[in-house]
Amino acid sequence: MKPAPFEYVDPRTTDEAVALLATHGDEAKVLAGGQSLVPMLALRLARPSVVVDVNRVGGLDQITQHGATVSVGALVRQRALERWAGERAPLLTTALGHVGHAPIRTRGTVAGSIAHADPASELPALLLCLDGAVVARSRRGTRTIAAADFFQGPLMTALAADELVTETRWTLPAPHAGWGFREMARRHGDFALVGVAVVLTVARGAVAEARIAIFGAAATPVRAREAERALAGQPATDGVLAEAARVATADLETVADIHAPAVYRASVARTLTARALADAAARAKDAA
């Protein structure tokens, strides 16, 4: 199919882009990498009156780090973050390797995937796992939205129609923290049926902090807060980690679709959580 007719505009500054969104509101869509929007246009799942192409807007293509906080501009490509992460953040590097294929990551933007909010996507779950945030700008000003508040449903976020994502912010794990990433997909590059990202910090032989994010199983990526609390102060033994995986998925509201039934997703989520926790525990260095 071909897209429905629309007006194409390519602002050169953030102010221009924000002004266009303020004028057109729900009738406008932002184009960056286009790996989500263009297929939706072609299938007429999206029929905007105006497409605002922000690729020529300056100042949105940088990755900057201040301590443990990393700012990723709205035009940073997924492949660029994958390369930047390298040994700095192997969890990001590993997880980004599961996002589509290299040509897709070369064009697709980090912020675009997060703003699209597909519950089976890796990047929203990673932002949630790393206590990240989305910075959005409108004519009303700039606000920072915590990842925990950003994702509201399948393809639904807290972003207002007149807001432009200008950057995402990530909190990198401590150097001694362990990490795990597990994903089940039909083929490499497909959206995940279920996936899990974990960060684990150990001190004096016990878990000091745990972060567990599950994606692909529910309507949004989910932080397993109860399991995180249950792990605190416990030794990272096989039995403790297995019980944490059970707690993490006990009340998970899994979804069913043409790809997998809900009961399958629940079972796989529990198994992958246990494996990701075990991976993280094996990689963690005692901070004591």
C-alpha atoms as a PDB file:
ATOM      1  CA  MET A   1       0.000   0.000   0.000  1.00  0.00           C
ATOM      2  CA  LYS A   2       0.942   3.640  -0.278  1.00  0.00           C
ATOM      3  CA  PRO A   3       0.671   6.250   2.479  1.00  0.00           C
ATOM      4  CA  ALA A   4      -2.304   8.572   2.581  1.00  0.00           C
ATOM      5  CA  PRO A   5      -1.465  12.126   1.443  1.00  0.00           C
ATOM      6  CA  PHE A   6       0.298  14.341   3.974  1.00  0.00           C
ATOM      7  CA  GLU A   7       2.213  17.601   4.147  1.00  0.00           C
ATOM      8  CA  TYR A   8       5.956  17.196   4.631  1.00  0.00           C
ATOM      9  CA  VAL A   9       7.966  19.770   6.603  1.00  0.00           C
ATOM     10  CA  ASP A  10      11.631  19.704   7.660  1.00  0.00           C
ATOM     11  CA  PRO A  11      12.419  22.234  10.395  1.00  0.00           C
ATOM     12  CA  ARG A  12      16.038  23.150  11.103  1.00  0.00           C
ATOM     13  CA  THR A  13      15.752  24.039  14.790  1.00  0.00           C
ATOM     14  CA  THR A  14      14.078  22.583  17.842  1.00  0.00           C
ATOM     15  CA  ASP A  15      12.014  25.744  18.204  1.00  0.00           C
ATOM     16  CA  GLU A  16      10.656  25.326  14.667  1.00  0.00           C
ATOM     17  CA  ALA A  17       9.819  21.675  15.271  1.00  0.00           C
ATOM     18  CA  VAL A  18       8.054  22.454  18.543  1.00  0.00           C
ATOM     19  CA  ALA A  19       6.091  25.262  16.896  1.00  0.00           C
ATOM     20  CA  LEU A  20       4.875  22.888  14.179  1.00  0.00           C
ATOM     21  CA  LEU A  21       3.746  20.349  16.759  1.00  0.00           C
ATOM     22  CA  ALA A  22       1.962  23.084  18.702  1.00  0.00           C
ATOM     23  CA  THR A  23       0.121  24.112  15.540  1.00  0.00           C
ATOM     24  CA  HIS A  24      -0.866  20.681  14.272  1.00  0.00           C
ATOM     25  CA  GLY A  25      -1.145  18.634  17.488  1.00  0.00           C
ATOM     26  CA  ASP A  26      -2.608  15.156  16.950  1.00  0.00           C
ATOM     27  CA  GLU A  27      -2.553  15.647  13.175  1.00  0.00           C
ATOM     28  CA  ALA A  28       1.264  15.623  13.127  1.00  0.00           C
ATOM     29  CA  LYS A  29       3.788  12.807  13.366  1.00  0.00           C
ATOM     30  CA  VAL A  30       7.528  13.183  13.962  1.00  0.00           C
ATOM     31  CA  LEU A  31       9.879  11.449  11.540  1.00  0.00           C
ATOM     32  CA  ALA A  32      13.400  10.603  12.687  1.00  0.00           C
ATOM     33  CA  GLY A  33      14.724   7.149  11.762  1.00  0.00           C
ATOM     34  CA  GLY A  34      11.412   6.102  10.243  1.00  0.00           C
ATOM     35  CA  GLN A  35      11.756   2.416  11.136  1.00  0.00           C
ATOM     36  CA  SER A  36       8.413   2.470  12.955  1.00  0.00           C
ATOM     37  CA  LEU A  37       6.578   5.368  11.306  1.00  0.00           C
ATOM     38  CA  VAL A  38       7.232   4.584   7.642  1.00  0.00           C
ATOM     39  CA  PRO A  39       5.774   1.039   7.767  1.00  0.00           C
ATOM     40  CA  MET A  40       2.753   2.391   9.633  1.00  0.00           C
ATOM     41  CA  LEU A  41       2.301   5.067   6.968  1.00  0.00           C
ATOM     42  CA  ALA A  42       2.588   2.491   4.197  1.00  0.00           C
ATOM     43  CA  LEU A  43      -0.040   0.280   5.833  1.00  0.00           C
ATOM     44  CA  ARG A  44      -2.178   3.342   6.634  1.00  0.00           C
ATOM     45  CA  LEU A  45      -2.146   2.461  10.295  1.00  0.00           C
ATOM     46  CA  ALA A  46      -1.003   6.064  10.730  1.00  0.00           C
ATOM     47  CA  ARG A  47      -2.623   8.808   8.646  1.00  0.00           C
ATOM     48  CA  PRO A  48      -1.160  12.139   9.798  1.00  0.00           C
ATOM     49  CA  SER A  49      -1.928  15.373   8.000  1.00  0.00           C
ATOM     50  CA  VAL A  50       1.634  16.581   8.584  1.00  0.00           C
ATOM     51  CA  VAL A  51       4.944  14.720   8.888  1.00  0.00           C
ATOM     52  CA  VAL A  52       7.586  16.726  10.745  1.00  0.00           C
ATOM     53  CA  ASP A  53      11.031  15.469   9.680  1.00  0.00           C
ATOM     54  CA  VAL A  54      13.507  16.406  12.435  1.00  0.00           C
ATOM     55  CA  ASN A  55      16.605  14.915  10.823  1.00  0.00           C
ATOM     56  CA  ARG A  56      18.026  18.346   9.977  1.00  0.00           C
ATOM     57  CA  VAL A  57      17.474  19.785  13.438  1.00  0.00           C
ATOM     58  CA  GLY A  58      20.870  20.543  14.943  1.00  0.00           C
ATOM     59  CA  GLY A  59      22.126  19.479  18.349  1.00  0.00           C
ATOM     60  CA  LEU A  60      20.106  16.279  18.737  1.00  0.00           C
ATOM     61  CA  ASP A  61      22.683  13.727  17.607  1.00  0.00           C
ATOM     62  CA  GLN A  62      25.100  13.662  20.546  1.00  0.00           C
ATOM     63  CA  ILE A  63      25.856  11.155  23.302  1.00  0.00           C
ATOM     64  CA  THR A  64      27.240  12.790  26.432  1.00  0.00           C
ATOM     65  CA  GLN A  65      28.162  11.297  29.791  1.00  0.00           C
ATOM     66  CA  HIS A  66      28.326  12.988  33.193  1.00  0.00           C
ATOM     67  CA  GLY A  67      29.292  10.464  35.830  1.00  0.00           C
ATOM     68  CA  ALA A  68      26.859   7.572  35.652  1.00  0.00           C
ATOM     69  CA  THR A  69      24.265   9.553  33.689  1.00  0.00           C
ATOM     70  CA  VAL A  70      24.279   9.326  29.912  1.00  0.00           C
ATOM     71  CA  SER A  71      22.293  11.681  27.685  1.00  0.00           C
ATOM     72  CA  VAL A  72      21.328  10.307  24.276  1.00  0.00           C
ATOM     73  CA  GLY A  73      20.055  12.904  21.806  1.00  0.00           C
ATOM     74  CA  ALA A  74      16.836  12.286  19.911  1.00  0.00           C
ATOM     75  CA  LEU A  75      18.657  11.714  16.599  1.00  0.00           C
ATOM     76  CA  VAL A  76      21.255   9.262  17.925  1.00  0.00           C
ATOM     77  CA  ARG A  77      20.959   6.055  15.920  1.00  0.00           C
ATOM     78  CA  GLN A  78      20.681   2.720  17.666  1.00  0.00           C
ATOM     79  CA  ARG A  79      23.883   1.502  16.039  1.00  0.00           C
ATOM     80  CA  ALA A  80      25.736   4.573  17.321  1.00  0.00           C
ATOM     81  CA  LEU A  81      24.665   3.845  20.906  1.00  0.00           C
ATOM     82  CA  GLU A  82      25.522   0.167  20.443  1.00  0.00           C
ATOM     83  CA  ARG A  83      29.062   1.115  19.406  1.00  0.00           C
ATOM     84  CA  TRP A  84      29.409   3.791  22.060  1.00  0.00           C
ATOM     85  CA  ALA A  85      28.304   1.436  24.822  1.00  0.00           C
ATOM     86  CA  GLY A  86      31.011  -1.105  24.014  1.00  0.00           C
ATOM     87  CA  GLU A  87      32.731  -1.942  27.301  1.00  0.00           C
ATOM     88  CA  ARG A  88      31.121   1.054  29.029  1.00  0.00           C
ATOM     89  CA  ALA A  89      27.710  -0.628  29.212  1.00  0.00           C
ATOM     90  CA  PRO A  90      27.763  -4.216  27.938  1.00  0.00           C
ATOM     91  CA  LEU A  91      24.094  -4.670  28.862  1.00  0.00           C
ATOM     92  CA  LEU A  92      23.186  -2.003  26.285  1.00  0.00           C
ATOM     93  CA  THR A  93      25.530  -3.443  23.673  1.00  0.00           C
ATOM     94  CA  THR A  94      24.168  -6.963  24.081  1.00  0.00           C
ATOM     95  CA  ALA A  95      20.521  -5.915  24.106  1.00  0.00           C
ATOM     96  CA  LEU A  96      20.875  -3.576  21.119  1.00  0.00           C
ATOM     97  CA  GLY A  97      22.290  -6.481  19.142  1.00  0.00           C
ATOM     98  CA  HIS A  98      18.793  -7.995  19.320  1.00  0.00           C
ATOM     99  CA  VAL A  99      17.095  -4.918  17.829  1.00  0.00           C
ATOM    100  CA  GLY A 100      16.182  -5.835  14.261  1.00  0.00           C
ATOM    101  CA  HIS A 101      19.273  -6.118  12.071  1.00  0.00           C
ATOM    102  CA  ALA A 102      22.302  -3.865  11.603  1.00  0.00           C
ATOM    103  CA  PRO A 103      20.794  -1.859   8.690  1.00  0.00           C
ATOM    104  CA  ILE A 104      17.713  -1.145  10.819  1.00  0.00           C
ATOM    105  CA  ARG A 105      19.819  -0.066  13.798  1.00  0.00           C
ATOM    106  CA  THR A 106      21.925   2.130  11.524  1.00  0.00           C
ATOM    107  CA  ARG A 107      18.831   4.154  10.614  1.00  0.00           C
ATOM    108  CA  GLY A 108      16.521   3.726  13.604  1.00  0.00           C
ATOM    109  CA  THR A 109      16.861   6.165  16.498  1.00  0.00           C
ATOM    110  CA  VAL A 110      16.997   5.305  20.180  1.00  0.00           C
ATOM    111  CA  ALA A 111      14.401   7.937  21.082  1.00  0.00           C
ATOM    112  CA  GLY A 112      12.113   6.905  18.236  1.00  0.00           C
ATOM    113  CA  SER A 113      11.897   3.322  19.460  1.00  0.00           C
ATOM    114  CA  ILE A 114      11.210   4.496  23.002  1.00  0.00           C
ATOM    115  CA  ALA A 115       8.551   6.998  21.901  1.00  0.00           C
ATOM    116  CA  HIS A 116       6.917   4.316  19.730  1.00  0.00           C
ATOM    117  CA  ALA A 117       6.562   2.212  22.916  1.00  0.00           C
ATOM    118  CA  ASP A 118       6.092  -1.199  21.397  1.00  0.00           C
ATOM    119  CA  PRO A 119       5.903  -3.509  24.443  1.00  0.00           C
ATOM    120  CA  ALA A 120       8.026  -6.102  22.621  1.00  0.00           C
ATOM    121  CA  SER A 121      10.880  -3.659  21.954  1.00  0.00           C
ATOM    122  CA  GLU A 122      14.156  -3.887  23.797  1.00  0.00           C
ATOM    123  CA  LEU A 123      14.911  -0.181  24.253  1.00  0.00           C
ATOM    124  CA  PRO A 124      11.862   0.767  26.351  1.00  0.00           C
ATOM    125  CA  ALA A 125      12.655  -2.092  28.748  1.00  0.00           C
ATOM    126  CA  LEU A 126      16.299  -1.069  28.946  1.00  0.00           C
ATOM    127  CA  LEU A 127      15.338   2.514  29.777  1.00  0.00           C
ATOM    128  CA  LEU A 128      13.068   1.163  32.517  1.00  0.00           C
ATOM    129  CA  CYS A 129      15.726  -1.191  33.861  1.00  0.00           C
ATOM    130  CA  LEU A 130      18.351   1.565  33.972  1.00  0.00           C
ATOM    131  CA  ASP A 131      16.103   4.046  35.779  1.00  0.00           C
ATOM    132  CA  GLY A 132      16.073   6.260  32.716  1.00  0.00           C
ATOM    133  CA  ALA A 133      13.935   9.172  31.646  1.00  0.00           C
ATOM    134  CA  VAL A 134      12.604  10.948  28.572  1.00  0.00           C
ATOM    135  CA  VAL A 135      13.138  14.686  28.120  1.00  0.00           C
ATOM    136  CA  ALA A 136      10.308  16.319  26.171  1.00  0.00           C
ATOM    137  CA  ARG A 137       9.967  19.883  24.964  1.00  0.00           C
ATOM    138  CA  SER A 138       6.955  21.929  23.949  1.00  0.00           C
ATOM    139  CA  ARG A 139       6.032  25.602  23.842  1.00  0.00           C
ATOM    140  CA  ARG A 140       5.054  25.216  27.492  1.00  0.00           C
ATOM    141  CA  GLY A 141       8.632  24.327  28.410  1.00  0.00           C
ATOM    142  CA  THR A 142      10.743  21.229  29.004  1.00  0.00           C
ATOM    143  CA  ARG A 143       9.886  18.351  31.306  1.00  0.00           C
ATOM    144  CA  THR A 144      11.582  15.134  32.294  1.00  0.00           C
ATOM    145  CA  ILE A 145       9.407  12.014  32.428  1.00  0.00           C
ATOM    146  CA  ALA A 146      10.705   9.011  34.356  1.00  0.00           C
ATOM    147  CA  ALA A 147      10.609   5.765  32.407  1.00  0.00           C
ATOM    148  CA  ALA A 148       8.390   4.313  35.143  1.00  0.00           C
ATOM    149  CA  ASP A 149       5.742   6.913  34.241  1.00  0.00           C
ATOM    150  CA  PHE A 150       6.306   7.102  30.504  1.00  0.00           C
ATOM    151  CA  PHE A 151       4.894   3.825  29.173  1.00  0.00           C
ATOM    152  CA  GLN A 152       1.120   3.638  29.549  1.00  0.00           C
ATOM    153  CA  GLY A 153       0.026   0.891  27.151  1.00  0.00           C
ATOM    154  CA  PRO A 154       0.828  -0.656  23.764  1.00  0.00           C
ATOM    155  CA  LEU A 155       2.107   2.245  21.621  1.00  0.00           C
ATOM    156  CA  MET A 156       0.865   4.644  24.321  1.00  0.00           C
ATOM    157  CA  THR A 157       3.032   7.024  26.346  1.00  0.00           C
ATOM    158  CA  ALA A 158       2.784  10.061  28.600  1.00  0.00           C
ATOM    159  CA  LEU A 159       4.041  12.228  25.734  1.00  0.00           C
ATOM    160  CA  ALA A 160       1.615  14.988  24.739  1.00  0.00           C
ATOM    161  CA  ALA A 161       0.802  15.577  21.075  1.00  0.00           C
ATOM    162  CA  ASP A 162       2.682  18.880  21.040  1.00  0.00           C
ATOM    163  CA  GLU A 163       5.813  17.538  22.741  1.00  0.00           C
ATOM    164  CA  LEU A 164       9.058  16.642  21.010  1.00  0.00           C
ATOM    165  CA  VAL A 165      11.462  14.159  22.586  1.00  0.00           C
ATOM    166  CA  THR A 166      14.843  15.891  22.641  1.00  0.00           C
ATOM    167  CA  GLU A 167      16.842  13.288  24.550  1.00  0.00           C
ATOM    168  CA  THR A 168      16.713  10.198  26.720  1.00  0.00           C
ATOM    169  CA  ARG A 169      18.707   9.826  29.928  1.00  0.00           C
ATOM    170  CA  TRP A 170      20.158   6.603  31.268  1.00  0.00           C
ATOM    171  CA  THR A 171      21.792   5.643  34.548  1.00  0.00           C
ATOM    172  CA  LEU A 172      24.644   3.254  33.833  1.00  0.00           C
ATOM    173  CA  PRO A 173      25.206   0.338  36.225  1.00  0.00           C
ATOM    174  CA  ALA A 174      28.172   0.598  38.576  1.00  0.00           C
ATOM    175  CA  PRO A 175      31.345  -1.020  37.189  1.00  0.00           C
ATOM    176  CA  HIS A 176      31.108  -3.851  39.722  1.00  0.00           C
ATOM    177  CA  ALA A 177      27.423  -4.582  39.005  1.00  0.00           C
ATOM    178  CA  GLY A 178      26.437  -7.736  37.181  1.00  0.00           C
ATOM    179  CA  TRP A 179      23.987  -7.772  34.305  1.00  0.00           C
ATOM    180  CA  GLY A 180      21.896 -10.252  32.372  1.00  0.00           C
ATOM    181  CA  PHE A 181      19.849 -10.087  29.206  1.00  0.00           C
ATOM    182  CA  ARG A 182      17.727 -12.900  27.820  1.00  0.00           C
ATOM    183  CA  GLU A 183      15.237 -12.838  24.980  1.00  0.00           C
ATOM    184  CA  MET A 184      12.991 -15.343  23.221  1.00  0.00           C
ATOM    185  CA  ALA A 185      12.076 -14.547  19.603  1.00  0.00           C
ATOM    186  CA  ARG A 186      11.072 -16.733  16.690  1.00  0.00           C
ATOM    187  CA  ARG A 187      14.064 -15.541  14.669  1.00  0.00           C
ATOM    188  CA  HIS A 188      16.944 -13.213  15.324  1.00  0.00           C
ATOM    189  CA  GLY A 189      15.782  -9.672  14.627  1.00  0.00           C
ATOM    190  CA  ASP A 190      12.106 -10.417  15.266  1.00  0.00           C
ATOM    191  CA  PHE A 191      10.257  -8.683  18.054  1.00  0.00           C
ATOM    192  CA  ALA A 192      10.621 -10.520  21.337  1.00  0.00           C
ATOM    193  CA  LEU A 193       7.918 -12.890  22.503  1.00  0.00           C
ATOM    194  CA  VAL A 194       9.419 -12.328  25.959  1.00  0.00           C
ATOM    195  CA  GLY A 195      12.602 -10.687  27.165  1.00  0.00           C
ATOM    196  CA  VAL A 196      14.289  -9.783  30.461  1.00  0.00           C
ATOM    197  CA  ALA A 197      16.971  -7.268  31.433  1.00  0.00           C
ATOM    198  CA  VAL A 198      18.625  -7.456  34.857  1.00  0.00           C
ATOM    199  CA  VAL A 199      21.177  -5.457  36.834  1.00  0.00           C
ATOM    200  CA  LEU A 200      22.441  -6.891  40.131  1.00  0.00           C
ATOM    201  CA  THR A 201      24.734  -5.304  42.707  1.00  0.00           C
ATOM    202  CA  VAL A 202      26.339  -7.491  45.376  1.00  0.00           C
ATOM    203  CA  ALA A 203      28.012  -6.352  48.593  1.00  0.00           C
ATOM    204  CA  ARG A 204      29.370  -8.552  51.399  1.00  0.00           C
ATOM    205  CA  GLY A 205      27.988 -11.639  49.696  1.00  0.00           C
ATOM    206  CA  ALA A 206      24.408 -10.373  49.514  1.00  0.00           C
ATOM    207  CA  VAL A 207      22.319  -8.586  46.924  1.00  0.00           C
ATOM    208  CA  ALA A 208      22.487  -4.847  47.582  1.00  0.00           C
ATOM    209  CA  GLU A 209      20.290  -3.788  44.665  1.00  0.00           C
ATOM    210  CA  ALA A 210      18.391  -5.519  41.881  1.00  0.00           C
ATOM    211  CA  ARG A 211      16.686  -4.134  38.799  1.00  0.00           C
ATOM    212  CA  ILE A 212      14.506  -6.455  36.732  1.00  0.00           C
ATOM    213  CA  ALA A 213      12.610  -5.367  33.614  1.00  0.00           C
ATOM    214  CA  ILE A 214      10.409  -7.776  31.657  1.00  0.00           C
ATOM    215  CA  PHE A 215       9.200  -6.980  28.146  1.00  0.00           C
ATOM    216  CA  GLY A 216       7.134  -8.607  25.422  1.00  0.00           C
ATOM    217  CA  ALA A 217       4.973 -10.375  27.987  1.00  0.00           C
ATOM    218  CA  ALA A 218       2.583  -7.612  29.042  1.00  0.00           C
ATOM    219  CA  ALA A 219       1.028  -4.455  27.607  1.00  0.00           C
ATOM    220  CA  THR A 220       4.080  -2.421  28.632  1.00  0.00           C
ATOM    221  CA  PRO A 221       7.574  -3.201  29.858  1.00  0.00           C
ATOM    222  CA  VAL A 222       7.324  -4.037  33.567  1.00  0.00           C
ATOM    223  CA  ARG A 223       9.693  -3.543  36.494  1.00  0.00           C
ATOM    224  CA  ALA A 224       9.471  -6.480  38.877  1.00  0.00           C
ATOM    225  CA  ARG A 225       9.533  -4.305  42.002  1.00  0.00           C
ATOM    226  CA  GLU A 226       8.355  -6.973  44.437  1.00  0.00           C
ATOM    227  CA  ALA A 227      11.068  -9.384  43.314  1.00  0.00           C
ATOM    228  CA  GLU A 228      13.655  -6.608  43.516  1.00  0.00           C
ATOM    229  CA  ARG A 229      12.673  -5.937  47.120  1.00  0.00           C
ATOM    230  CA  ALA A 230      12.660  -9.642  47.938  1.00  0.00           C
ATOM    231  CA  LEU A 231      16.239 -10.021  46.686  1.00  0.00           C
ATOM    232  CA  ALA A 232      17.644  -7.168  48.775  1.00  0.00           C
ATOM    233  CA  GLY A 233      19.909  -8.512  51.499  1.00  0.00           C
ATOM    234  CA  GLN A 234      19.702 -12.096  50.270  1.00  0.00           C
ATOM    235  CA  PRO A 235      22.637 -14.227  49.071  1.00  0.00           C
ATOM    236  CA  ALA A 236      22.650 -14.686  45.309  1.00  0.00           C
ATOM    237  CA  THR A 237      22.205 -18.453  45.467  1.00  0.00           C
ATOM    238  CA  ASP A 238      20.402 -20.532  42.862  1.00  0.00           C
ATOM    239  CA  GLY A 239      17.438 -21.056  45.167  1.00  0.00           C
ATOM    240  CA  VAL A 240      17.079 -17.364  46.014  1.00  0.00           C
ATOM    241  CA  LEU A 241      17.295 -16.352  42.364  1.00  0.00           C
ATOM    242  CA  ALA A 242      14.765 -18.984  41.315  1.00  0.00           C
ATOM    243  CA  GLU A 243      12.341 -17.766  43.966  1.00  0.00           C
ATOM    244  CA  ALA A 244      12.859 -14.172  42.811  1.00  0.00           C
ATOM    245  CA  ALA A 245      11.998 -15.232  39.264  1.00  0.00           C
ATOM    246  CA  ARG A 246       8.804 -16.815  40.561  1.00  0.00           C
ATOM    247  CA  VAL A 247       7.865 -13.664  42.460  1.00  0.00           C
ATOM    248  CA  ALA A 248       8.712 -11.471  39.452  1.00  0.00           C
ATOM    249  CA  THR A 249       6.233 -13.288  37.230  1.00  0.00           C
ATOM    250  CA  ALA A 250       3.567 -14.403  39.715  1.00  0.00           C
ATOM    251  CA  ASP A 251       1.297 -11.413  39.128  1.00  0.00           C
ATOM    252  CA  LEU A 252       2.496 -10.522  35.635  1.00  0.00           C
ATOM    253  CA  GLU A 253      -0.522  -9.739  33.439  1.00  0.00           C
ATOM    254  CA  THR A 254       0.675 -11.513  30.322  1.00  0.00           C
ATOM    255  CA  VAL A 255      -1.013 -10.946  26.974  1.00  0.00           C
ATOM    256  CA  ALA A 256      -2.095 -13.382  24.279  1.00  0.00           C
ATOM    257  CA  ASP A 257      -1.875 -12.737  20.542  1.00  0.00           C
ATOM    258  CA  ILE A 258      -1.322 -14.618  17.293  1.00  0.00           C
ATOM    259  CA  HIS A 259       2.315 -15.212  18.253  1.00  0.00           C
ATOM    260  CA  ALA A 260       1.913 -16.799  21.687  1.00  0.00           C
ATOM    261  CA  PRO A 261      -0.728 -17.528  24.356  1.00  0.00           C
ATOM    262  CA  ALA A 262      -0.558 -15.752  27.697  1.00  0.00           C
ATOM    263  CA  VAL A 263       0.293 -18.919  29.637  1.00  0.00           C
ATOM    264  CA  TYR A 264       3.305 -19.531  27.381  1.00  0.00           C
ATOM    265  CA  ARG A 265       4.568 -16.012  27.910  1.00  0.00           C
ATOM    266  CA  ALA A 266       4.207 -16.391  31.673  1.00  0.00           C
ATOM    267  CA  SER A 267       6.207 -19.619  31.665  1.00  0.00           C
ATOM    268  CA  VAL A 268       8.951 -18.230  29.418  1.00  0.00           C
ATOM    269  CA  ALA A 269       9.146 -14.999  31.431  1.00  0.00           C
ATOM    270  CA  ARG A 270       9.826 -16.978  34.605  1.00  0.00           C
ATOM    271  CA  THR A 271      12.518 -19.100  32.941  1.00  0.00           C
ATOM    272  CA  LEU A 272      14.250 -16.134  31.288  1.00  0.00           C
ATOM    273  CA  THR A 273      14.145 -14.102  34.507  1.00  0.00           C
ATOM    274  CA  ALA A 274      15.851 -16.913  36.400  1.00  0.00           C
ATOM    275  CA  ARG A 275      18.517 -17.215  33.714  1.00  0.00           C
ATOM    276  CA  ALA A 276      19.119 -13.468  33.466  1.00  0.00           C
ATOM    277  CA  LEU A 277      19.432 -13.245  37.252  1.00  0.00           C
ATOM    278  CA  ALA A 278      21.921 -16.105  37.251  1.00  0.00           C
ATOM    279  CA  ASP A 279      23.938 -14.389  34.510  1.00  0.00           C
ATOM    280  CA  ALA A 280      23.954 -11.138  36.474  1.00  0.00           C
ATOM    281  CA  ALA A 281      25.000 -12.870  39.686  1.00  0.00           C
ATOM    282  CA  ALA A 282      27.855 -14.598  37.897  1.00  0.00           C
ATOM    283  CA  ARG A 283      29.102 -11.294  36.478  1.00  0.00           C
ATOM    284  CA  ALA A 284      28.709  -9.235  39.660  1.00  0.00           C
ATOM    285  CA  LYS A 285      31.800  -8.355  41.661  1.00  0.00           C
ATOM    286  CA  ASP A 286      31.393  -7.991  45.396  1.00  0.00           C
ATOM    287  CA  ALA A 287      31.530  -4.266  46.257  1.00  0.00           C
ATOM    288  CA  ALA A 288      32.543  -4.861  49.867  1.00  0.00           C
END
